[in-house]
C-alpha atoms as a PDB file:
ATOM      1  CA  MET A   1       0.000   0.000   0.000  1.00  0.00           C
ATOM      2  CA  ILE A   2       2.846   2.355   0.804  1.00  0.00           C
ATOM      3  CA  SER A   3       4.549   1.688  -2.516  1.00  0.00           C
ATOM      4  CA  GLY A   4       1.268   2.233  -4.366  1.00  0.00           C
ATOM      5  CA  GLY A   5       0.678   5.522  -2.606  1.00  0.00           C
ATOM      6  CA  LEU A   6       4.195   6.751  -3.308  1.00  0.00           C
ATOM      7  CA  PHE A   7       3.940   5.624  -6.919  1.00  0.00           C
ATOM      8  CA  ALA A   8       0.617   7.420  -7.384  1.00  0.00           C
ATOM      9  CA  SER A   9       1.970  10.622  -5.878  1.00  0.00           C
ATOM     10  CA  ALA A  10       4.947  10.549  -8.251  1.00  0.00           C
ATOM     11  CA  THR A  11       2.969   9.819 -11.401  1.00  0.00           C
ATOM     12  CA  SER A  12      -0.260  11.780 -11.012  1.00  0.00           C
ATOM     13  CA  GLY A  13      -1.074  15.400 -11.657  1.00  0.00           C
ATOM     14  CA  VAL A  14      -1.446  17.781 -14.555  1.00  0.00           C
ATOM     15  CA  ARG A  15       1.342  18.018 -17.098  1.00  0.00           C
ATOM     16  CA  ASN A  16       1.850  20.622 -19.784  1.00  0.00           C
ATOM     17  CA  GLY A  17       3.895  20.266 -22.915  1.00  0.00           C
ATOM     18  CA  ARG A  18       4.167  20.760 -26.614  1.00  0.00           C
ATOM     19  CA  PRO A  19       2.787  18.282 -29.149  1.00  0.00           C
ATOM     20  CA  GLY A  20       5.499  15.999 -30.422  1.00  0.00           C
ATOM     21  CA  GLN A  21       7.685  16.607 -27.358  1.00  0.00           C
ATOM     22  CA  PRO A  22       7.821  14.494 -24.197  1.00  0.00           C
ATOM     23  CA  PHE A  23       6.484  16.072 -21.042  1.00  0.00           C
ATOM     24  CA  PRO A  24       9.327  17.629 -19.026  1.00  0.00           C
ATOM     25  CA  GLU A  25       7.945  15.900 -15.919  1.00  0.00           C
ATOM     26  CA  ASP A  26       8.348  12.488 -17.583  1.00  0.00           C
ATOM     27  CA  ILE A  27      11.922  13.288 -18.592  1.00  0.00           C
ATOM     28  CA  GLU A  28      12.733  14.427 -15.057  1.00  0.00           C
ATOM     29  CA  GLN A  29      11.065  11.358 -13.532  1.00  0.00           C
ATOM     30  CA  ARG A  30      12.968   9.022 -15.860  1.00  0.00           C
ATOM     31  CA  ASN A  31      16.338  10.643 -15.211  1.00  0.00           C
ATOM     32  CA  ARG A  32      15.965  11.166 -11.474  1.00  0.00           C
ATOM     33  CA  SER A  33      14.566   7.682 -10.856  1.00  0.00           C
ATOM     34  CA  ALA A  34      17.419   6.046 -12.760  1.00  0.00           C
ATOM     35  CA  GLU A  35      19.934   8.173 -10.866  1.00  0.00           C
ATOM     36  CA  LEU A  36      18.460   7.241  -7.487  1.00  0.00           C
ATOM     37  CA  ALA A  37      18.194   3.535  -8.366  1.00  0.00           C
ATOM     38  CA  ARG A  38      21.922   3.448  -9.169  1.00  0.00           C
ATOM     39  CA  THR A  39      22.729   4.639  -5.635  1.00  0.00           C
ATOM     40  CA  LEU A  40      20.798   1.788  -3.994  1.00  0.00           C
ATOM     41  CA  SER A  41      21.543  -1.894  -3.529  1.00  0.00           C
ATOM     42  CA  PRO A  42      20.505  -3.834  -6.650  1.00  0.00           C
ATOM     43  CA  GLY A  43      17.345  -5.827  -6.025  1.00  0.00           C
ATOM     44  CA  SER A  44      16.383  -3.863  -2.920  1.00  0.00           C
ATOM     45  CA  VAL A  45      12.791  -2.740  -2.475  1.00  0.00           C
ATOM     46  CA  GLU A  46      13.905   0.862  -2.868  1.00  0.00           C
ATOM     47  CA  ALA A  47      15.901   0.234  -6.047  1.00  0.00           C
ATOM     48  CA  ASN A  48      13.023  -1.732  -7.572  1.00  0.00           C
ATOM     49  CA  PHE A  49      10.635   1.105  -6.728  1.00  0.00           C
ATOM     50  CA  TYR A  50      12.766   3.678  -8.522  1.00  0.00           C
ATOM     51  CA  LEU A  51      13.347   1.343 -11.461  1.00  0.00           C
ATOM     52  CA  SER A  52       9.574   0.932 -11.807  1.00  0.00           C
ATOM     53  CA  LEU A  53       9.174   4.734 -11.795  1.00  0.00           C
ATOM     54  CA  GLU A  54      11.840   4.967 -14.497  1.00  0.00           C
ATOM     55  CA  LYS A  55      10.124   2.285 -16.582  1.00  0.00           C
ATOM     56  CA  THR A  56       6.764   4.015 -16.256  1.00  0.00           C
ATOM     57  CA  ALA A  57       8.257   7.325 -17.372  1.00  0.00           C
ATOM     58  CA  ILE A  58       9.875   5.659 -20.398  1.00  0.00           C
ATOM     59  CA  GLU A  59       6.547   4.041 -21.315  1.00  0.00           C
ATOM     60  CA  GLN A  60       4.721   7.365 -20.916  1.00  0.00           C
ATOM     61  CA  ILE A  61       7.261   9.110 -23.166  1.00  0.00           C
ATOM     62  CA  GLN A  62       6.844   6.423 -25.826  1.00  0.00           C
ATOM     63  CA  TRP A  63       3.049   6.293 -25.570  1.00  0.00           C
ATOM     64  CA  PHE A  64       2.548  10.047 -25.808  1.00  0.00           C
ATOM     65  CA  GLY A  65       5.104  10.223 -28.632  1.00  0.00           C
ATOM     66  CA  GLU A  66       3.188   7.638 -30.653  1.00  0.00           C
ATOM     67  CA  ARG A  67      -0.132   9.305 -29.856  1.00  0.00           C
ATOM     68  CA  ASP A  68       1.197  12.730 -30.864  1.00  0.00           C
ATOM     69  CA  GLU A  69       2.378  11.304 -34.185  1.00  0.00           C
ATOM     70  CA  GLN A  70      -1.182  10.147 -34.854  1.00  0.00           C
ATOM     71  CA  LEU A  71      -2.660  13.517 -33.865  1.00  0.00           C
ATOM     72  CA  ILE A  72      -0.228  15.650 -35.862  1.00  0.00           C
ATOM     73  CA  ASP A  73      -1.154  15.064 -39.471  1.00  0.00           C
ATOM     74  CA  GLY A  74       0.057  18.290 -41.064  1.00  0.00           C
ATOM     75  CA  ARG A  75      -3.354  19.840 -41.703  1.00  0.00           C
ATOM     76  CA  ASP A  76      -3.983  23.507 -41.007  1.00  0.00           C
ATOM     77  CA  TRP A  77      -6.949  23.562 -38.638  1.00  0.00           C
ATOM     78  CA  GLU A  78      -7.457  27.327 -38.644  1.00  0.00           C
END
């Protein structure tokens, strides 16, 4: 339950960005989580938690990138 609560607090909230660009929050989460995981004992609960945050950020970056490619079709909507 604690891990779930911490995970939710790190991954929820409103994000703003530009179409075709990853959210800055996802980039920061990916980088910071990887950095913290490297400082912890491999396989520890803490390291696994930060690695899961990193993985989620990577998946979010990929998902939104693919979605943005589908939404940006070059038409002028004005």
